[in-house]
Amino acid sequence: MHRALVASLALALVFAPSLPAFAKAKPTPSASLLTPENHALILIDHQPQMAFATHSIDTGALVNNVTGLAKAAKVFAVPTILSTVASKSFSGPIFPSIQAVFPEQVPIDRTTMNSWEDANFMKAVKATGRKKLVIAALWTEVCLMGPTLGAIDDGYEVYIVTDASGGVTTEAHEMAIRRMMQAGAAPVTWLQVMLEWQRDWARTETYDAVTGIAKEHGGAYGLGIGYAKEMFGGSEGH
């Protein structure tokens, strides 16, 4: 059986040049994939007071993940909305690592727990002109779920970044994710989103920035990139 398989592969290589044209056609990416041009990113209530009560994810991991996501959005010029709740009176400012990525942007501060009920927030969403939204928030069961359900009801396609969000308990986070998925939201992770934006390592204009973010925020994957480059001069896709 092994010899037969080897023989089949050899024949395939020999006759590959004569394959029909459709077999050599450039693959067309799915329209369902996220691209920098087809959606907006929304980061909601990543603030100290909200993080203090978040227990579904380690605080360090949460800050790392949402910062990596913010940096990636900046690299790919994805329209990004920042919003806070009661920043002066209760929750504190947005994480410094996020503000550092968008130093000129003033987060939209709200009194509403559900940002979809805030006029200034809704004005910013509509101004993007995008009908797909990628959202991360604290807490999952309140500040992520509210706008997600509202956006879906209003005809938006919503992707929720589960590892850049967090709930007061693991159960609260997981039950909220289930409820949003049942309503039609798609769960994603921050690294998944960044690599979906990149998709091809031949896109050299963002290659260095993306691998740099991965090395800084991508955990073992980032370590692997650094290791391959240092030890063997290797790089993704080259």
C-alpha atoms as a PDB file:
ATOM      1  CA  MET A   1       0.000   0.000   0.000  1.00  0.00           C
ATOM      2  CA  HIS A   2       2.895   2.298   0.804  1.00  0.00           C
ATOM      3  CA  ARG A   3       4.499   1.656  -2.592  1.00  0.00           C
ATOM      4  CA  ALA A   4       1.193   2.290  -4.336  1.00  0.00           C
ATOM      5  CA  LEU A   5       0.830   5.626  -2.571  1.00  0.00           C
ATOM      6  CA  VAL A   6       4.366   6.671  -3.540  1.00  0.00           C
ATOM      7  CA  ALA A   7       3.708   5.674  -7.142  1.00  0.00           C
ATOM      8  CA  SER A   8       0.468   7.685  -7.197  1.00  0.00           C
ATOM      9  CA  LEU A   9       2.205  10.782  -5.856  1.00  0.00           C
ATOM     10  CA  ALA A  10       4.982  10.410  -8.423  1.00  0.00           C
ATOM     11  CA  LEU A  11       2.456  10.201 -11.251  1.00  0.00           C
ATOM     12  CA  ALA A  12       0.659  13.244  -9.904  1.00  0.00           C
ATOM     13  CA  LEU A  13       3.878  15.235  -9.986  1.00  0.00           C
ATOM     14  CA  VAL A  14       4.706  14.070 -13.498  1.00  0.00           C
ATOM     15  CA  PHE A  15       1.317  14.949 -14.918  1.00  0.00           C
ATOM     16  CA  ALA A  16       0.680  18.093 -12.828  1.00  0.00           C
ATOM     17  CA  PRO A  17       1.518  20.469 -15.701  1.00  0.00           C
ATOM     18  CA  SER A  18      -1.285  18.933 -17.768  1.00  0.00           C
ATOM     19  CA  LEU A  19      -3.996  19.349 -15.126  1.00  0.00           C
ATOM     20  CA  PRO A  20      -7.107  21.229 -16.267  1.00  0.00           C
ATOM     21  CA  ALA A  21      -6.959  25.009 -15.938  1.00  0.00           C
ATOM     22  CA  PHE A  22      -9.587  25.034 -13.201  1.00  0.00           C
ATOM     23  CA  ALA A  23      -7.280  22.967 -10.983  1.00  0.00           C
ATOM     24  CA  LYS A  24      -4.652  25.722 -11.174  1.00  0.00           C
ATOM     25  CA  ALA A  25      -7.038  28.627 -10.688  1.00  0.00           C
ATOM     26  CA  LYS A  26      -6.230  31.018  -7.863  1.00  0.00           C
ATOM     27  CA  PRO A  27      -8.488  30.226  -4.890  1.00  0.00           C
ATOM     28  CA  THR A  28     -11.138  32.807  -4.091  1.00  0.00           C
ATOM     29  CA  PRO A  29     -11.341  33.681  -0.369  1.00  0.00           C
ATOM     30  CA  SER A  30     -14.673  33.277   1.354  1.00  0.00           C
ATOM     31  CA  ALA A  31     -16.809  36.386   1.562  1.00  0.00           C
ATOM     32  CA  SER A  32     -17.432  35.435   5.187  1.00  0.00           C
ATOM     33  CA  LEU A  33     -13.834  36.161   6.155  1.00  0.00           C
ATOM     34  CA  LEU A  34     -12.982  39.372   7.945  1.00  0.00           C
ATOM     35  CA  THR A  35     -10.925  41.859   5.970  1.00  0.00           C
ATOM     36  CA  PRO A  36      -9.665  45.258   7.111  1.00  0.00           C
ATOM     37  CA  GLU A  37     -12.119  46.857   4.687  1.00  0.00           C
ATOM     38  CA  ASN A  38     -15.377  45.125   5.646  1.00  0.00           C
ATOM     39  CA  HIS A  39     -15.881  45.804   9.354  1.00  0.00           C
ATOM     40  CA  ALA A  40     -15.214  48.031  12.347  1.00  0.00           C
ATOM     41  CA  LEU A  41     -13.641  47.102  15.698  1.00  0.00           C
ATOM     42  CA  ILE A  42     -15.295  48.176  18.946  1.00  0.00           C
ATOM     43  CA  LEU A  43     -13.555  48.002  22.340  1.00  0.00           C
ATOM     44  CA  ILE A  44     -15.902  48.628  25.248  1.00  0.00           C
ATOM     45  CA  ASP A  45     -15.168  49.317  28.934  1.00  0.00           C
ATOM     46  CA  HIS A  46     -11.638  47.968  29.218  1.00  0.00           C
ATOM     47  CA  GLN A  47     -11.163  49.918  32.446  1.00  0.00           C
ATOM     48  CA  PRO A  48      -9.603  49.160  35.852  1.00  0.00           C
ATOM     49  CA  GLN A  49     -12.815  48.935  37.875  1.00  0.00           C
ATOM     50  CA  MET A  50     -14.312  46.558  35.330  1.00  0.00           C
ATOM     51  CA  ALA A  51     -11.158  44.437  35.264  1.00  0.00           C
ATOM     52  CA  PHE A  52     -11.024  44.157  39.063  1.00  0.00           C
ATOM     53  CA  ALA A  53     -14.241  42.116  39.056  1.00  0.00           C
ATOM     54  CA  THR A  54     -13.408  40.064  35.960  1.00  0.00           C
ATOM     55  CA  HIS A  55     -12.666  36.463  36.941  1.00  0.00           C
ATOM     56  CA  SER A  56     -13.231  34.448  33.770  1.00  0.00           C
ATOM     57  CA  ILE A  57      -9.767  35.330  32.444  1.00  0.00           C
ATOM     58  CA  ASP A  58      -6.463  36.281  34.059  1.00  0.00           C
ATOM     59  CA  THR A  59      -6.114  40.075  34.123  1.00  0.00           C
ATOM     60  CA  GLY A  60      -2.644  39.980  32.598  1.00  0.00           C
ATOM     61  CA  ALA A  61      -3.872  37.790  29.751  1.00  0.00           C
ATOM     62  CA  LEU A  62      -6.860  40.073  29.207  1.00  0.00           C
ATOM     63  CA  VAL A  63      -4.708  43.202  28.936  1.00  0.00           C
ATOM     64  CA  ASN A  64      -2.241  41.378  26.674  1.00  0.00           C
ATOM     65  CA  ASN A  65      -4.958  40.141  24.333  1.00  0.00           C
ATOM     66  CA  VAL A  66      -6.916  43.354  23.945  1.00  0.00           C
ATOM     67  CA  THR A  67      -3.696  45.324  23.475  1.00  0.00           C
ATOM     68  CA  GLY A  68      -2.546  42.949  20.754  1.00  0.00           C
ATOM     69  CA  LEU A  69      -5.933  43.311  19.069  1.00  0.00           C
ATOM     70  CA  ALA A  70      -5.781  47.112  19.254  1.00  0.00           C
ATOM     71  CA  LYS A  71      -2.272  47.182  17.791  1.00  0.00           C
ATOM     72  CA  ALA A  72      -3.314  44.914  14.953  1.00  0.00           C
ATOM     73  CA  ALA A  73      -6.306  47.130  14.170  1.00  0.00           C
ATOM     74  CA  LYS A  74      -3.976  50.122  13.956  1.00  0.00           C
ATOM     75  CA  VAL A  75      -1.648  48.267  11.564  1.00  0.00           C
ATOM     76  CA  PHE A  76      -4.503  47.327   9.237  1.00  0.00           C
ATOM     77  CA  ALA A  77      -6.270  50.699   9.558  1.00  0.00           C
ATOM     78  CA  VAL A  78      -9.479  49.065  10.789  1.00  0.00           C
ATOM     79  CA  PRO A  79     -11.917  51.751  12.006  1.00  0.00           C
ATOM     80  CA  THR A  80     -11.861  51.418  15.789  1.00  0.00           C
ATOM     81  CA  ILE A  81     -14.316  52.774  18.339  1.00  0.00           C
ATOM     82  CA  LEU A  82     -13.253  53.075  21.979  1.00  0.00           C
ATOM     83  CA  SER A  83     -15.886  53.463  24.673  1.00  0.00           C
ATOM     84  CA  THR A  84     -15.890  53.694  28.463  1.00  0.00           C
ATOM     85  CA  VAL A  85     -18.516  53.865  31.170  1.00  0.00           C
ATOM     86  CA  ALA A  86     -18.402  56.400  34.010  1.00  0.00           C
ATOM     87  CA  SER A  87     -14.668  56.885  33.536  1.00  0.00           C
ATOM     88  CA  LYS A  88     -14.440  59.937  35.819  1.00  0.00           C
ATOM     89  CA  SER A  89     -16.754  58.844  38.599  1.00  0.00           C
ATOM     90  CA  PHE A  90     -16.309  55.094  38.928  1.00  0.00           C
ATOM     91  CA  SER A  91     -14.555  52.887  36.372  1.00  0.00           C
ATOM     92  CA  GLY A  92     -11.380  54.818  35.599  1.00  0.00           C
ATOM     93  CA  PRO A  93      -9.719  55.480  32.243  1.00  0.00           C
ATOM     94  CA  ILE A  94      -9.379  52.980  29.428  1.00  0.00           C
ATOM     95  CA  PHE A  95      -6.352  50.671  29.791  1.00  0.00           C
ATOM     96  CA  PRO A  96      -3.207  52.775  29.150  1.00  0.00           C
ATOM     97  CA  SER A  97      -1.930  50.177  26.682  1.00  0.00           C
ATOM     98  CA  ILE A  98      -5.017  50.681  24.500  1.00  0.00           C
ATOM     99  CA  GLN A  99      -4.917  54.468  24.759  1.00  0.00           C
ATOM    100  CA  ALA A 100      -1.247  54.376  23.738  1.00  0.00           C
ATOM    101  CA  VAL A 101      -2.235  52.728  20.448  1.00  0.00           C
ATOM    102  CA  PHE A 102      -4.757  55.496  19.726  1.00  0.00           C
ATOM    103  CA  PRO A 103      -3.264  58.489  21.572  1.00  0.00           C
ATOM    104  CA  GLU A 104      -5.410  61.092  19.804  1.00  0.00           C
ATOM    105  CA  GLN A 105      -8.713  59.261  20.253  1.00  0.00           C
ATOM    106  CA  VAL A 106     -10.967  60.205  23.167  1.00  0.00           C
ATOM    107  CA  PRO A 107     -13.087  57.210  24.222  1.00  0.00           C
ATOM    108  CA  ILE A 108     -16.832  57.759  24.118  1.00  0.00           C
ATOM    109  CA  ASP A 109     -17.864  57.890  27.762  1.00  0.00           C
ATOM    110  CA  ARG A 110     -21.345  56.701  28.667  1.00  0.00           C
ATOM    111  CA  THR A 111     -23.754  56.340  31.551  1.00  0.00           C
ATOM    112  CA  THR A 112     -25.528  53.407  29.901  1.00  0.00           C
ATOM    113  CA  MET A 113     -24.403  49.848  30.560  1.00  0.00           C
ATOM    114  CA  ASN A 114     -25.596  49.001  27.057  1.00  0.00           C
ATOM    115  CA  SER A 115     -23.606  51.125  24.627  1.00  0.00           C
ATOM    116  CA  TRP A 116     -26.238  50.463  21.937  1.00  0.00           C
ATOM    117  CA  GLU A 117     -28.494  52.827  23.899  1.00  0.00           C
ATOM    118  CA  ASP A 118     -26.014  55.713  23.835  1.00  0.00           C
ATOM    119  CA  ALA A 119     -26.549  58.334  21.131  1.00  0.00           C
ATOM    120  CA  ASN A 120     -22.882  59.308  20.727  1.00  0.00           C
ATOM    121  CA  PHE A 121     -21.819  55.684  20.499  1.00  0.00           C
ATOM    122  CA  MET A 122     -24.440  54.920  17.862  1.00  0.00           C
ATOM    123  CA  LYS A 123     -23.383  57.961  15.869  1.00  0.00           C
ATOM    124  CA  ALA A 124     -19.810  56.661  15.828  1.00  0.00           C
ATOM    125  CA  VAL A 125     -20.907  53.180  14.733  1.00  0.00           C
ATOM    126  CA  LYS A 126     -22.993  54.541  11.864  1.00  0.00           C
ATOM    127  CA  ALA A 127     -20.156  56.861  10.805  1.00  0.00           C
ATOM    128  CA  THR A 128     -17.936  53.843  10.033  1.00  0.00           C
ATOM    129  CA  GLY A 129     -20.322  52.755   7.303  1.00  0.00           C
ATOM    130  CA  ARG A 130     -19.534  49.127   8.143  1.00  0.00           C
ATOM    131  CA  LYS A 131     -22.202  46.441   8.609  1.00  0.00           C
ATOM    132  CA  LYS A 132     -19.866  43.946  10.234  1.00  0.00           C
ATOM    133  CA  LEU A 133     -18.693  44.621  13.788  1.00  0.00           C
ATOM    134  CA  VAL A 134     -15.973  42.931  15.822  1.00  0.00           C
ATOM    135  CA  ILE A 135     -16.599  43.632  19.506  1.00  0.00           C
ATOM    136  CA  ALA A 136     -14.734  42.992  22.764  1.00  0.00           C
ATOM    137  CA  ALA A 137     -15.898  44.251  26.152  1.00  0.00           C
ATOM    138  CA  LEU A 138     -15.962  44.019  29.925  1.00  0.00           C
ATOM    139  CA  TRP A 139     -18.112  42.472  31.150  1.00  0.00           C
ATOM    140  CA  THR A 140     -19.181  39.807  28.702  1.00  0.00           C
ATOM    141  CA  GLU A 141     -22.606  39.333  30.249  1.00  0.00           C
ATOM    142  CA  VAL A 142     -23.467  43.039  30.254  1.00  0.00           C
ATOM    143  CA  CYS A 143     -21.375  45.385  28.132  1.00  0.00           C
ATOM    144  CA  LEU A 144     -20.636  42.865  25.380  1.00  0.00           C
ATOM    145  CA  MET A 145     -24.012  41.175  25.257  1.00  0.00           C
ATOM    146  CA  GLY A 146     -26.086  44.382  25.168  1.00  0.00           C
ATOM    147  CA  PRO A 147     -24.600  45.930  22.025  1.00  0.00           C
ATOM    148  CA  THR A 148     -24.161  42.542  20.367  1.00  0.00           C
ATOM    149  CA  LEU A 149     -27.851  41.692  20.619  1.00  0.00           C
ATOM    150  CA  GLY A 150     -28.816  45.237  19.663  1.00  0.00           C
ATOM    151  CA  ALA A 151     -26.541  45.220  16.615  1.00  0.00           C
ATOM    152  CA  ILE A 152     -27.853  41.854  15.429  1.00  0.00           C
ATOM    153  CA  ASP A 153     -31.443  43.087  15.783  1.00  0.00           C
ATOM    154  CA  ASP A 154     -30.489  46.102  13.656  1.00  0.00           C
ATOM    155  CA  GLY A 155     -29.058  43.973  10.857  1.00  0.00           C
ATOM    156  CA  TYR A 156     -25.359  43.985  11.702  1.00  0.00           C
ATOM    157  CA  GLU A 157     -23.122  40.928  11.472  1.00  0.00           C
ATOM    158  CA  VAL A 158     -21.320  40.625  14.806  1.00  0.00           C
ATOM    159  CA  TYR A 159     -18.119  38.852  15.822  1.00  0.00           C
ATOM    160  CA  ILE A 160     -17.344  38.660  19.546  1.00  0.00           C
ATOM    161  CA  VAL A 161     -13.708  38.445  20.685  1.00  0.00           C
ATOM    162  CA  THR A 162     -13.993  35.989  23.550  1.00  0.00           C
ATOM    163  CA  ASP A 163     -10.415  36.223  24.852  1.00  0.00           C
ATOM    164  CA  ALA A 164     -10.382  40.033  24.834  1.00  0.00           C
ATOM    165  CA  SER A 165     -13.553  40.053  26.934  1.00  0.00           C
ATOM    166  CA  GLY A 166     -14.350  38.741  30.396  1.00  0.00           C
ATOM    167  CA  GLY A 167     -17.139  38.161  32.896  1.00  0.00           C
ATOM    168  CA  VAL A 168     -17.480  38.335  36.645  1.00  0.00           C
ATOM    169  CA  THR A 169     -17.399  34.522  36.710  1.00  0.00           C
ATOM    170  CA  THR A 170     -16.499  31.865  34.169  1.00  0.00           C
ATOM    171  CA  GLU A 171     -20.134  30.770  34.132  1.00  0.00           C
ATOM    172  CA  ALA A 172     -21.356  34.304  33.495  1.00  0.00           C
ATOM    173  CA  HIS A 173     -18.907  34.667  30.590  1.00  0.00           C
ATOM    174  CA  GLU A 174     -19.753  31.305  29.054  1.00  0.00           C
ATOM    175  CA  MET A 175     -23.531  31.670  29.385  1.00  0.00           C
ATOM    176  CA  ALA A 176     -23.394  35.107  27.778  1.00  0.00           C
ATOM    177  CA  ILE A 177     -21.294  33.741  24.899  1.00  0.00           C
ATOM    178  CA  ARG A 178     -23.870  30.979  24.381  1.00  0.00           C
ATOM    179  CA  ARG A 179     -26.740  33.453  24.374  1.00  0.00           C
ATOM    180  CA  MET A 180     -25.005  35.696  21.837  1.00  0.00           C
ATOM    181  CA  MET A 181     -24.135  32.740  19.611  1.00  0.00           C
ATOM    182  CA  GLN A 182     -27.758  31.586  19.696  1.00  0.00           C
ATOM    183  CA  ALA A 183     -28.708  35.073  18.491  1.00  0.00           C
ATOM    184  CA  GLY A 184     -26.246  34.783  15.580  1.00  0.00           C
ATOM    185  CA  ALA A 185     -22.945  36.218  16.845  1.00  0.00           C
ATOM    186  CA  ALA A 186     -19.726  34.498  15.742  1.00  0.00           C
ATOM    187  CA  PRO A 187     -17.079  33.845  18.435  1.00  0.00           C
ATOM    188  CA  VAL A 188     -13.454  34.652  17.543  1.00  0.00           C
ATOM    189  CA  THR A 189     -10.150  35.161  19.365  1.00  0.00           C
ATOM    190  CA  TRP A 190      -7.833  38.125  19.016  1.00  0.00           C
ATOM    191  CA  LEU A 191      -4.998  36.229  17.311  1.00  0.00           C
ATOM    192  CA  GLN A 192      -7.465  34.615  14.943  1.00  0.00           C
ATOM    193  CA  VAL A 193      -8.731  38.063  13.955  1.00  0.00           C
ATOM    194  CA  MET A 194      -5.231  39.423  13.312  1.00  0.00           C
ATOM    195  CA  LEU A 195      -4.218  36.446  11.189  1.00  0.00           C
ATOM    196  CA  GLU A 196      -7.515  36.626   9.301  1.00  0.00           C
ATOM    197  CA  TRP A 197      -6.641  40.204   8.419  1.00  0.00           C
ATOM    198  CA  GLN A 198      -3.166  39.171   7.231  1.00  0.00           C
ATOM    199  CA  ARG A 199      -4.045  35.788   5.622  1.00  0.00           C
ATOM    200  CA  ASP A 200      -1.093  35.857   3.221  1.00  0.00           C
ATOM    201  CA  TRP A 201       2.515  36.245   4.379  1.00  0.00           C
ATOM    202  CA  ALA A 202       3.329  37.639   0.938  1.00  0.00           C
ATOM    203  CA  ARG A 203       1.559  40.838   2.044  1.00  0.00           C
ATOM    204  CA  THR A 204       4.860  42.396   2.934  1.00  0.00           C
ATOM    205  CA  GLU A 205       3.457  45.820   3.859  1.00  0.00           C
ATOM    206  CA  THR A 206       2.062  44.404   7.108  1.00  0.00           C
ATOM    207  CA  TYR A 207       4.330  41.370   7.556  1.00  0.00           C
ATOM    208  CA  ASP A 208       6.858  42.915   9.962  1.00  0.00           C
ATOM    209  CA  ALA A 209       4.201  44.614  12.087  1.00  0.00           C
ATOM    210  CA  VAL A 210       2.071  41.485  12.385  1.00  0.00           C
ATOM    211  CA  THR A 211       4.957  39.205  13.313  1.00  0.00           C
ATOM    212  CA  GLY A 212       6.126  41.886  15.747  1.00  0.00           C
ATOM    213  CA  ILE A 213       2.737  41.936  17.472  1.00  0.00           C
ATOM    214  CA  ALA A 214       2.725  38.139  17.544  1.00  0.00           C
ATOM    215  CA  LYS A 215       6.167  38.054  19.151  1.00  0.00           C
ATOM    216  CA  GLU A 216       5.099  40.548  21.806  1.00  0.00           C
ATOM    217  CA  HIS A 217       1.570  39.331  22.517  1.00  0.00           C
ATOM    218  CA  GLY A 218       1.196  35.905  20.886  1.00  0.00           C
ATOM    219  CA  GLY A 219       2.558  33.696  23.652  1.00  0.00           C
ATOM    220  CA  ALA A 220       4.126  30.431  22.457  1.00  0.00           C
ATOM    221  CA  TYR A 221       3.403  31.304  18.826  1.00  0.00           C
ATOM    222  CA  GLY A 222       5.351  34.532  19.213  1.00  0.00           C
ATOM    223  CA  LEU A 223       8.210  32.698  20.914  1.00  0.00           C
ATOM    224  CA  GLY A 224       8.314  30.300  17.996  1.00  0.00           C
ATOM    225  CA  ILE A 225       8.604  33.130  15.471  1.00  0.00           C
ATOM    226  CA  GLY A 226      11.479  34.670  17.409  1.00  0.00           C
ATOM    227  CA  TYR A 227      13.180  31.293  17.823  1.00  0.00           C
ATOM    228  CA  ALA A 228      12.962  30.408  14.142  1.00  0.00           C
ATOM    229  CA  LYS A 229      14.333  33.767  13.090  1.00  0.00           C
ATOM    230  CA  GLU A 230      17.186  33.759  15.586  1.00  0.00           C
ATOM    231  CA  MET A 231      18.247  30.136  15.150  1.00  0.00           C
ATOM    232  CA  PHE A 232      17.630  29.536  11.460  1.00  0.00           C
ATOM    233  CA  GLY A 233      16.901  32.875   9.868  1.00  0.00           C
ATOM    234  CA  GLY A 234      13.410  31.577   9.132  1.00  0.00           C
ATOM    235  CA  SER A 235      10.205  33.543   8.732  1.00  0.00           C
ATOM    236  CA  GLU A 236       6.546  32.897   8.070  1.00  0.00           C
ATOM    237  CA  GLY A 237       5.821  32.093   4.454  1.00  0.00           C
ATOM    238  CA  HIS A 238       9.409  32.503   3.230  1.00  0.00           C
END
